[in-house]
Amino acid sequence: MFAGSPLPLHPPTSLAWALGQVLPGERLGAWVRGIGPRVRRGRVVGAAFALSGDLGALLRRCDRIAVRRGAEPVVLPAEELIGLRVLEIVLGLPYLPEAERLHTLYPGLRCQGGVLALPVGADPPEEVLGRLAQRRIPVAASRIRYLAAER
């Protein structure tokens, strides 16, 4: 793991660096700022290479992904990044439902300042939101975030 949440690469210099990290036979992705969510694919040195502004899309398609840690580009296994993925939600209630009810659904649940962070890993956020809706837990807002962890 690494200090700070992962960030997208800066396109010009980081992309050249990422291409130099490709290993033969692997599927390497690069999370790049400002290119939109569409995944662009190609082949480099006998390996698959994908670019996207959507980290979630790359997590489903790649073995390793180039991201930025502070100012430095790094390549991390997709599984490591998946472990940092949480769905942050703001409930549409003036109170939090009983804590054990939510902890039963999501044992790794964290609550800070009225925002719940549910570890979702590789699960689609729509499934998580659907489970909350089935249990009549209204959600006012949500977003995917990647936790900061120490490396």
N, C-alpha and C. Protein backbone atom coordinates (compact mmCIF):
# COMPACT_ATOMS: atom_id res chain seq x y z
N MET A 1 0.84 -1.17 0.00
CA MET A 1 0.00 0.00 0.00
C MET A 1 0.89 1.24 0.00
N PHE A 2 0.32 2.40 -0.22
CA PHE A 2 1.14 3.59 -0.27
C PHE A 2 0.47 4.75 0.44
N ALA A 3 1.26 5.74 0.81
CA ALA A 3 0.74 6.91 1.50
C ALA A 3 -0.04 7.77 0.53
N GLY A 4 -1.24 8.16 0.91
CA GLY A 4 -2.08 9.00 0.07
C GLY A 4 -2.91 8.19 -0.91
N SER A 5 -4.02 8.76 -1.30
CA SER A 5 -4.88 8.11 -2.28
C SER A 5 -4.20 8.12 -3.64
N PRO A 6 -4.45 7.10 -4.47
CA PRO A 6 -3.86 7.12 -5.81
C PRO A 6 -4.45 8.26 -6.62
N LEU A 7 -3.65 8.80 -7.50
CA LEU A 7 -4.05 9.91 -8.37
C LEU A 7 -3.80 9.52 -9.82
N PRO A 8 -4.53 10.14 -10.76
CA PRO A 8 -4.27 9.84 -12.17
C PRO A 8 -2.93 10.43 -12.61
N LEU A 9 -2.36 9.80 -13.62
CA LEU A 9 -1.10 10.28 -14.18
C LEU A 9 -1.30 11.60 -14.93
N HIS A 10 -0.25 12.39 -14.99
CA HIS A 10 -0.26 13.56 -15.87
C HIS A 10 0.08 13.04 -17.27
N PRO A 11 -0.70 13.36 -18.29
CA PRO A 11 -0.54 12.73 -19.59
C PRO A 11 0.85 12.72 -20.23
N PRO A 12 1.53 13.83 -20.46
CA PRO A 12 2.71 13.77 -21.33
C PRO A 12 3.86 12.92 -20.80
N THR A 13 4.42 13.26 -19.67
CA THR A 13 5.62 12.56 -19.21
C THR A 13 5.32 11.22 -18.58
N SER A 14 4.23 11.13 -17.81
CA SER A 14 3.90 9.88 -17.12
C SER A 14 3.53 8.77 -18.08
N LEU A 15 2.92 9.12 -19.20
CA LEU A 15 2.52 8.10 -20.16
C LEU A 15 3.74 7.43 -20.78
N ALA A 16 4.75 8.20 -21.13
CA ALA A 16 5.99 7.63 -21.66
C ALA A 16 6.63 6.72 -20.62
N TRP A 17 6.59 7.13 -19.36
CA TRP A 17 7.14 6.30 -18.28
C TRP A 17 6.35 5.00 -18.17
N ALA A 18 5.02 5.07 -18.23
CA ALA A 18 4.17 3.87 -18.10
C ALA A 18 4.45 2.87 -19.22
N LEU A 19 4.65 3.35 -20.43
CA LEU A 19 4.96 2.45 -21.54
C LEU A 19 6.25 1.69 -21.29
N GLY A 20 7.19 2.30 -20.60
CA GLY A 20 8.44 1.63 -20.28
C GLY A 20 8.31 0.58 -19.18
N GLN A 21 7.15 0.52 -18.51
CA GLN A 21 6.94 -0.44 -17.42
C GLN A 21 6.24 -1.72 -17.87
N VAL A 22 5.83 -1.78 -19.13
CA VAL A 22 5.08 -2.94 -19.63
C VAL A 22 5.94 -4.18 -19.62
N LEU A 23 5.39 -5.27 -19.09
CA LEU A 23 6.06 -6.57 -19.10
C LEU A 23 5.39 -7.45 -20.16
N PRO A 24 6.17 -8.25 -20.88
CA PRO A 24 5.58 -9.11 -21.92
C PRO A 24 4.48 -10.00 -21.35
N GLY A 25 3.37 -10.07 -22.07
CA GLY A 25 2.26 -10.95 -21.71
C GLY A 25 1.30 -10.40 -20.66
N GLU A 26 1.57 -9.25 -20.09
CA GLU A 26 0.67 -8.73 -19.06
C GLU A 26 -0.36 -7.77 -19.66
N ARG A 27 -1.32 -7.40 -18.85
CA ARG A 27 -2.30 -6.37 -19.20
C ARG A 27 -2.04 -5.19 -18.28
N LEU A 28 -1.40 -4.15 -18.83
CA LEU A 28 -1.06 -2.97 -18.04
C LEU A 28 -2.01 -1.83 -18.40
N GLY A 29 -2.49 -1.14 -17.39
CA GLY A 29 -3.36 0.01 -17.60
C GLY A 29 -2.68 1.27 -17.09
N ALA A 30 -3.14 2.41 -17.58
CA ALA A 30 -2.66 3.70 -17.10
C ALA A 30 -3.87 4.58 -16.84
N TRP A 31 -3.99 5.04 -15.61
CA TRP A 31 -5.08 5.95 -15.23
C TRP A 31 -4.58 7.36 -15.53
N VAL A 32 -5.15 7.99 -16.55
CA VAL A 32 -4.63 9.24 -17.07
C VAL A 32 -5.68 10.35 -16.95
N ARG A 33 -5.25 11.47 -16.43
CA ARG A 33 -6.12 12.64 -16.25
C ARG A 33 -6.49 13.25 -17.60
N GLY A 34 -7.77 13.63 -17.73
CA GLY A 34 -8.19 14.44 -18.87
C GLY A 34 -8.44 13.71 -20.18
N ILE A 35 -8.56 12.38 -20.19
CA ILE A 35 -8.82 11.70 -21.46
C ILE A 35 -10.21 11.07 -21.51
N GLY A 36 -11.01 11.25 -20.47
CA GLY A 36 -12.37 10.73 -20.44
C GLY A 36 -12.43 9.28 -19.98
N PRO A 37 -13.65 8.76 -19.78
CA PRO A 37 -13.82 7.43 -19.21
C PRO A 37 -13.65 6.26 -20.19
N ARG A 38 -13.69 6.53 -21.49
CA ARG A 38 -13.57 5.44 -22.46
C ARG A 38 -12.21 4.76 -22.34
N VAL A 39 -12.19 3.44 -22.40
CA VAL A 39 -10.94 2.69 -22.32
C VAL A 39 -10.37 2.56 -23.73
N ARG A 40 -9.15 3.03 -23.89
CA ARG A 40 -8.45 2.91 -25.17
C ARG A 40 -7.43 1.78 -25.03
N ARG A 41 -7.46 0.85 -25.97
CA ARG A 41 -6.60 -0.33 -25.86
C ARG A 41 -5.64 -0.43 -27.02
N GLY A 42 -4.50 -1.06 -26.74
CA GLY A 42 -3.52 -1.30 -27.77
C GLY A 42 -2.56 -2.39 -27.33
N ARG A 43 -1.53 -2.64 -28.14
CA ARG A 43 -0.52 -3.65 -27.81
C ARG A 43 0.84 -2.97 -27.81
N VAL A 44 1.64 -3.32 -26.83
CA VAL A 44 2.99 -2.77 -26.69
C VAL A 44 3.90 -3.91 -26.25
N VAL A 45 4.98 -4.16 -26.95
CA VAL A 45 5.98 -5.17 -26.58
C VAL A 45 5.33 -6.51 -26.21
N GLY A 46 4.37 -6.95 -26.99
CA GLY A 46 3.72 -8.24 -26.73
C GLY A 46 2.80 -8.24 -25.53
N ALA A 47 2.36 -7.09 -25.09
CA ALA A 47 1.46 -7.00 -23.94
C ALA A 47 0.28 -6.10 -24.29
N ALA A 48 -0.80 -6.27 -23.56
CA ALA A 48 -1.96 -5.40 -23.74
C ALA A 48 -1.75 -4.14 -22.90
N PHE A 49 -2.11 -2.99 -23.46
CA PHE A 49 -1.98 -1.72 -22.76
C PHE A 49 -3.29 -0.97 -22.90
N ALA A 50 -3.80 -0.42 -21.78
CA ALA A 50 -5.07 0.29 -21.80
C ALA A 50 -4.91 1.65 -21.11
N LEU A 51 -5.61 2.65 -21.63
CA LEU A 51 -5.62 4.00 -21.06
C LEU A 51 -7.05 4.39 -20.77
N SER A 52 -7.27 5.06 -19.64
CA SER A 52 -8.60 5.58 -19.35
C SER A 52 -8.52 6.61 -18.24
N GLY A 53 -9.51 7.47 -18.20
CA GLY A 53 -9.68 8.39 -17.08
C GLY A 53 -10.54 7.78 -16.00
N ASP A 54 -11.01 6.53 -16.21
CA ASP A 54 -11.87 5.82 -15.27
C ASP A 54 -11.09 4.66 -14.65
N LEU A 55 -10.64 4.84 -13.42
CA LEU A 55 -9.84 3.80 -12.75
C LEU A 55 -10.64 2.51 -12.57
N GLY A 56 -11.93 2.62 -12.26
CA GLY A 56 -12.76 1.42 -12.09
C GLY A 56 -12.79 0.55 -13.33
N ALA A 57 -12.85 1.17 -14.51
CA ALA A 57 -12.85 0.40 -15.76
C ALA A 57 -11.53 -0.32 -15.94
N LEU A 58 -10.43 0.31 -15.57
CA LEU A 58 -9.11 -0.32 -15.70
C LEU A 58 -8.95 -1.48 -14.71
N LEU A 59 -9.52 -1.35 -13.52
CA LEU A 59 -9.41 -2.41 -12.51
C LEU A 59 -10.00 -3.72 -13.01
N ARG A 60 -11.04 -3.64 -13.83
CA ARG A 60 -11.69 -4.85 -14.35
C ARG A 60 -10.94 -5.46 -15.52
N ARG A 61 -10.01 -4.69 -16.16
CA ARG A 61 -9.38 -5.15 -17.39
C ARG A 61 -7.88 -5.40 -17.29
N CYS A 62 -7.24 -4.97 -16.20
CA CYS A 62 -5.77 -4.97 -16.16
C CYS A 62 -5.22 -5.74 -14.97
N ASP A 63 -3.98 -6.25 -15.14
CA ASP A 63 -3.27 -6.92 -14.05
C ASP A 63 -2.60 -5.90 -13.14
N ARG A 64 -1.99 -4.89 -13.78
CA ARG A 64 -1.32 -3.81 -13.04
C ARG A 64 -1.75 -2.48 -13.65
N ILE A 65 -1.70 -1.43 -12.82
CA ILE A 65 -2.14 -0.12 -13.29
C ILE A 65 -1.15 0.94 -12.85
N ALA A 66 -0.79 1.81 -13.78
CA ALA A 66 0.09 2.95 -13.47
C ALA A 66 -0.77 4.09 -12.94
N VAL A 67 -0.43 4.55 -11.75
CA VAL A 67 -1.11 5.67 -11.10
C VAL A 67 -0.03 6.60 -10.58
N ARG A 68 -0.45 7.65 -9.91
CA ARG A 68 0.52 8.59 -9.35
C ARG A 68 0.42 8.57 -7.83
N ARG A 69 1.58 8.58 -7.17
CA ARG A 69 1.68 8.73 -5.71
C ARG A 69 2.36 10.08 -5.51
N GLY A 70 1.57 11.08 -5.13
CA GLY A 70 2.13 12.43 -5.06
C GLY A 70 2.52 12.86 -6.47
N ALA A 71 3.77 13.20 -6.65
CA ALA A 71 4.25 13.61 -7.98
C ALA A 71 4.85 12.45 -8.76
N GLU A 72 5.06 11.30 -8.11
CA GLU A 72 5.75 10.17 -8.73
C GLU A 72 4.80 9.13 -9.31
N PRO A 73 5.03 8.68 -10.54
CA PRO A 73 4.24 7.58 -11.09
C PRO A 73 4.70 6.25 -10.48
N VAL A 74 3.74 5.36 -10.24
CA VAL A 74 4.03 4.01 -9.74
C VAL A 74 3.10 3.02 -10.47
N VAL A 75 3.52 1.77 -10.53
CA VAL A 75 2.67 0.72 -11.09
C VAL A 75 2.30 -0.21 -9.94
N LEU A 76 1.00 -0.43 -9.76
CA LEU A 76 0.51 -1.26 -8.66
C LEU A 76 -0.37 -2.39 -9.19
N PRO A 77 -0.37 -3.51 -8.48
CA PRO A 77 -1.29 -4.59 -8.86
C PRO A 77 -2.74 -4.12 -8.72
N ALA A 78 -3.59 -4.54 -9.63
CA ALA A 78 -5.00 -4.15 -9.58
C ALA A 78 -5.63 -4.57 -8.25
N GLU A 79 -5.25 -5.74 -7.72
CA GLU A 79 -5.83 -6.22 -6.46
C GLU A 79 -5.55 -5.25 -5.31
N GLU A 80 -4.38 -4.64 -5.31
CA GLU A 80 -4.03 -3.68 -4.26
C GLU A 80 -4.93 -2.45 -4.35
N LEU A 81 -5.15 -1.96 -5.56
CA LEU A 81 -6.02 -0.80 -5.73
C LEU A 81 -7.48 -1.13 -5.40
N ILE A 82 -7.91 -2.33 -5.75
CA ILE A 82 -9.28 -2.76 -5.44
C ILE A 82 -9.49 -2.76 -3.93
N GLY A 83 -8.48 -3.16 -3.17
CA GLY A 83 -8.58 -3.17 -1.71
C GLY A 83 -8.75 -1.78 -1.11
N LEU A 84 -8.38 -0.74 -1.84
CA LEU A 84 -8.50 0.63 -1.35
C LEU A 84 -9.84 1.28 -1.73
N ARG A 85 -10.65 0.59 -2.53
CA ARG A 85 -11.86 1.18 -3.12
C ARG A 85 -13.02 1.16 -2.12
N VAL A 86 -13.61 2.34 -1.89
CA VAL A 86 -14.78 2.46 -1.02
C VAL A 86 -15.86 3.26 -1.72
N LEU A 87 -17.09 3.02 -1.32
CA LEU A 87 -18.21 3.83 -1.77
C LEU A 87 -18.60 4.72 -0.60
N GLU A 88 -18.44 6.02 -0.78
CA GLU A 88 -18.84 6.95 0.25
C GLU A 88 -20.28 7.36 -0.02
N ILE A 89 -21.11 7.31 1.04
CA ILE A 89 -22.51 7.70 0.88
C ILE A 89 -22.92 8.65 1.98
N VAL A 90 -23.84 9.52 1.63
CA VAL A 90 -24.51 10.39 2.59
C VAL A 90 -25.95 9.90 2.62
N LEU A 91 -26.41 9.53 3.81
CA LEU A 91 -27.76 9.00 3.92
C LEU A 91 -28.78 10.13 3.88
N GLY A 92 -29.95 9.82 3.33
CA GLY A 92 -31.04 10.78 3.26
C GLY A 92 -31.92 10.70 4.50
N LEU A 93 -31.29 10.56 5.65
CA LEU A 93 -32.01 10.46 6.93
C LEU A 93 -31.42 11.45 7.92
N PRO A 94 -32.22 11.95 8.84
CA PRO A 94 -31.65 12.84 9.86
C PRO A 94 -30.87 12.07 10.92
N TYR A 95 -30.87 10.75 10.86
CA TYR A 95 -30.16 9.91 11.82
C TYR A 95 -29.57 8.72 11.07
N LEU A 96 -28.62 8.06 11.67
CA LEU A 96 -28.06 6.84 11.07
C LEU A 96 -28.90 5.65 11.50
N PRO A 97 -29.23 4.74 10.58
CA PRO A 97 -29.92 3.52 10.99
C PRO A 97 -29.06 2.78 12.01
N GLU A 98 -29.70 1.90 12.75
CA GLU A 98 -28.94 1.19 13.77
C GLU A 98 -27.63 0.67 13.20
N ALA A 99 -26.57 0.95 13.93
CA ALA A 99 -25.22 0.63 13.44
C ALA A 99 -25.06 -0.84 13.12
N GLU A 100 -25.64 -1.71 13.95
CA GLU A 100 -25.44 -3.15 13.69
C GLU A 100 -26.10 -3.57 12.38
N ARG A 101 -27.18 -2.90 11.98
CA ARG A 101 -27.84 -3.23 10.71
C ARG A 101 -26.90 -2.97 9.54
N LEU A 102 -26.24 -1.83 9.57
CA LEU A 102 -25.29 -1.51 8.50
C LEU A 102 -24.02 -2.34 8.61
N HIS A 103 -23.55 -2.58 9.83
CA HIS A 103 -22.33 -3.38 10.01
C HIS A 103 -22.56 -4.83 9.60
N THR A 104 -23.79 -5.32 9.69
CA THR A 104 -24.10 -6.67 9.24
C THR A 104 -23.92 -6.77 7.73
N LEU A 105 -24.37 -5.72 7.02
CA LEU A 105 -24.22 -5.69 5.56
C LEU A 105 -22.77 -5.49 5.16
N TYR A 106 -22.08 -4.58 5.86
CA TYR A 106 -20.71 -4.20 5.50
C TYR A 106 -19.85 -4.15 6.76
N PRO A 107 -19.20 -5.27 7.11
CA PRO A 107 -18.40 -5.32 8.33
C PRO A 107 -17.28 -4.27 8.39
N GLY A 108 -16.77 -3.83 7.26
CA GLY A 108 -15.68 -2.86 7.24
C GLY A 108 -16.17 -1.41 7.20
N LEU A 109 -17.45 -1.18 7.47
CA LEU A 109 -18.04 0.14 7.40
C LEU A 109 -17.33 1.13 8.33
N ARG A 110 -17.11 2.34 7.80
CA ARG A 110 -16.56 3.44 8.61
C ARG A 110 -17.49 4.62 8.50
N CYS A 111 -17.64 5.36 9.58
CA CYS A 111 -18.49 6.54 9.58
C CYS A 111 -17.69 7.72 10.11
N GLN A 112 -17.70 8.82 9.35
CA GLN A 112 -16.99 10.01 9.78
C GLN A 112 -17.75 11.23 9.30
N GLY A 113 -18.17 12.05 10.24
CA GLY A 113 -18.86 13.29 9.90
C GLY A 113 -20.11 13.11 9.07
N GLY A 114 -20.90 12.08 9.31
CA GLY A 114 -22.13 11.84 8.57
C GLY A 114 -21.95 11.17 7.22
N VAL A 115 -20.71 10.86 6.86
CA VAL A 115 -20.43 10.16 5.60
C VAL A 115 -20.02 8.74 5.93
N LEU A 116 -20.69 7.79 5.30
CA LEU A 116 -20.36 6.38 5.49
C LEU A 116 -19.43 5.93 4.38
N ALA A 117 -18.41 5.20 4.73
CA ALA A 117 -17.49 4.63 3.74
C ALA A 117 -17.65 3.12 3.78
N LEU A 118 -18.17 2.56 2.68
CA LEU A 118 -18.41 1.12 2.59
C LEU A 118 -17.35 0.50 1.70
N PRO A 119 -16.56 -0.44 2.21
CA PRO A 119 -15.57 -1.08 1.33
C PRO A 119 -16.29 -1.92 0.29
N VAL A 120 -16.07 -1.61 -0.99
CA VAL A 120 -16.76 -2.34 -2.05
C VAL A 120 -15.84 -3.20 -2.89
N GLY A 121 -14.54 -2.99 -2.78
CA GLY A 121 -13.62 -3.80 -3.58
C GLY A 121 -13.99 -3.74 -5.05
N ALA A 122 -14.19 -4.89 -5.66
CA ALA A 122 -14.51 -4.95 -7.09
C ALA A 122 -16.01 -4.93 -7.36
N ASP A 123 -16.85 -4.90 -6.30
CA ASP A 123 -18.30 -4.88 -6.51
C ASP A 123 -18.73 -3.59 -7.20
N PRO A 124 -19.67 -3.68 -8.12
CA PRO A 124 -20.18 -2.46 -8.74
C PRO A 124 -20.93 -1.63 -7.69
N PRO A 125 -20.73 -0.32 -7.66
CA PRO A 125 -21.41 0.51 -6.66
C PRO A 125 -22.94 0.43 -6.78
N GLU A 126 -23.44 0.17 -7.98
CA GLU A 126 -24.89 0.07 -8.17
C GLU A 126 -25.48 -1.07 -7.35
N GLU A 127 -24.74 -2.19 -7.22
CA GLU A 127 -25.21 -3.31 -6.41
C GLU A 127 -25.31 -2.91 -4.94
N VAL A 128 -24.30 -2.20 -4.46
CA VAL A 128 -24.29 -1.76 -3.07
C VAL A 128 -25.46 -0.82 -2.83
N LEU A 129 -25.65 0.16 -3.72
CA LEU A 129 -26.76 1.10 -3.57
C LEU A 129 -28.10 0.38 -3.66
N GLY A 130 -28.20 -0.64 -4.50
CA GLY A 130 -29.42 -1.44 -4.61
C GLY A 130 -29.73 -2.18 -3.32
N ARG A 131 -28.70 -2.74 -2.66
CA ARG A 131 -28.91 -3.42 -1.39
C ARG A 131 -29.43 -2.46 -0.32
N LEU A 132 -28.89 -1.25 -0.32
CA LEU A 132 -29.36 -0.25 0.64
C LEU A 132 -30.82 0.14 0.34
N ALA A 133 -31.15 0.28 -0.93
CA ALA A 133 -32.53 0.62 -1.31
C ALA A 133 -33.50 -0.49 -0.92
N GLN A 134 -33.09 -1.76 -1.11
CA GLN A 134 -33.94 -2.88 -0.71
C GLN A 134 -34.26 -2.85 0.77
N ARG A 135 -33.34 -2.37 1.56
CA ARG A 135 -33.53 -2.30 3.01
C ARG A 135 -34.10 -0.95 3.44
N ARG A 136 -34.56 -0.19 2.46
CA ARG A 136 -35.18 1.12 2.68
C ARG A 136 -34.27 2.09 3.44
N ILE A 137 -33.02 2.09 3.05
CA ILE A 137 -32.04 3.04 3.60
C ILE A 137 -31.78 4.06 2.49
N PRO A 138 -32.39 5.27 2.60
CA PRO A 138 -32.25 6.25 1.52
C PRO A 138 -30.86 6.87 1.45
N VAL A 139 -30.36 7.03 0.23
CA VAL A 139 -29.04 7.61 -0.01
C VAL A 139 -29.23 8.95 -0.71
N ALA A 140 -28.67 10.02 -0.12
CA ALA A 140 -28.79 11.35 -0.70
C ALA A 140 -27.69 11.62 -1.72
N ALA A 141 -26.50 11.06 -1.51
CA ALA A 141 -25.37 11.28 -2.42
C ALA A 141 -24.37 10.13 -2.27
N SER A 142 -23.60 9.89 -3.33
CA SER A 142 -22.58 8.83 -3.26
C SER A 142 -21.44 9.15 -4.22
N ARG A 143 -20.28 8.55 -3.94
CA ARG A 143 -19.13 8.66 -4.84
C ARG A 143 -18.16 7.53 -4.51
N ILE A 144 -17.39 7.13 -5.52
CA ILE A 144 -16.32 6.15 -5.32
C ILE A 144 -15.06 6.90 -4.93
N ARG A 145 -14.34 6.35 -3.97
CA ARG A 145 -13.08 6.95 -3.54
C ARG A 145 -12.08 5.85 -3.26
N TYR A 146 -10.82 6.18 -3.27
CA TYR A 146 -9.76 5.23 -2.97
C TYR A 146 -9.08 5.71 -1.71
N LEU A 147 -9.07 4.85 -0.70
CA LEU A 147 -8.50 5.23 0.59
C LEU A 147 -7.00 5.42 0.50
N ALA A 148 -6.51 6.20 1.39
CA ALA A 148 -5.06 6.36 1.55
C ALA A 148 -4.58 5.22 2.43
N ALA A 149 -3.49 4.62 2.09
CA ALA A 149 -2.92 3.54 2.90
C ALA A 149 -1.40 3.70 2.88
N GLU A 150 -0.76 3.15 3.86
CA GLU A 150 0.69 3.27 3.97
C GLU A 150 1.38 2.18 3.18
N ARG A 151 2.45 2.54 2.53
CA ARG A 151 3.28 1.55 1.80
C ARG A 151 4.62 1.46 2.48
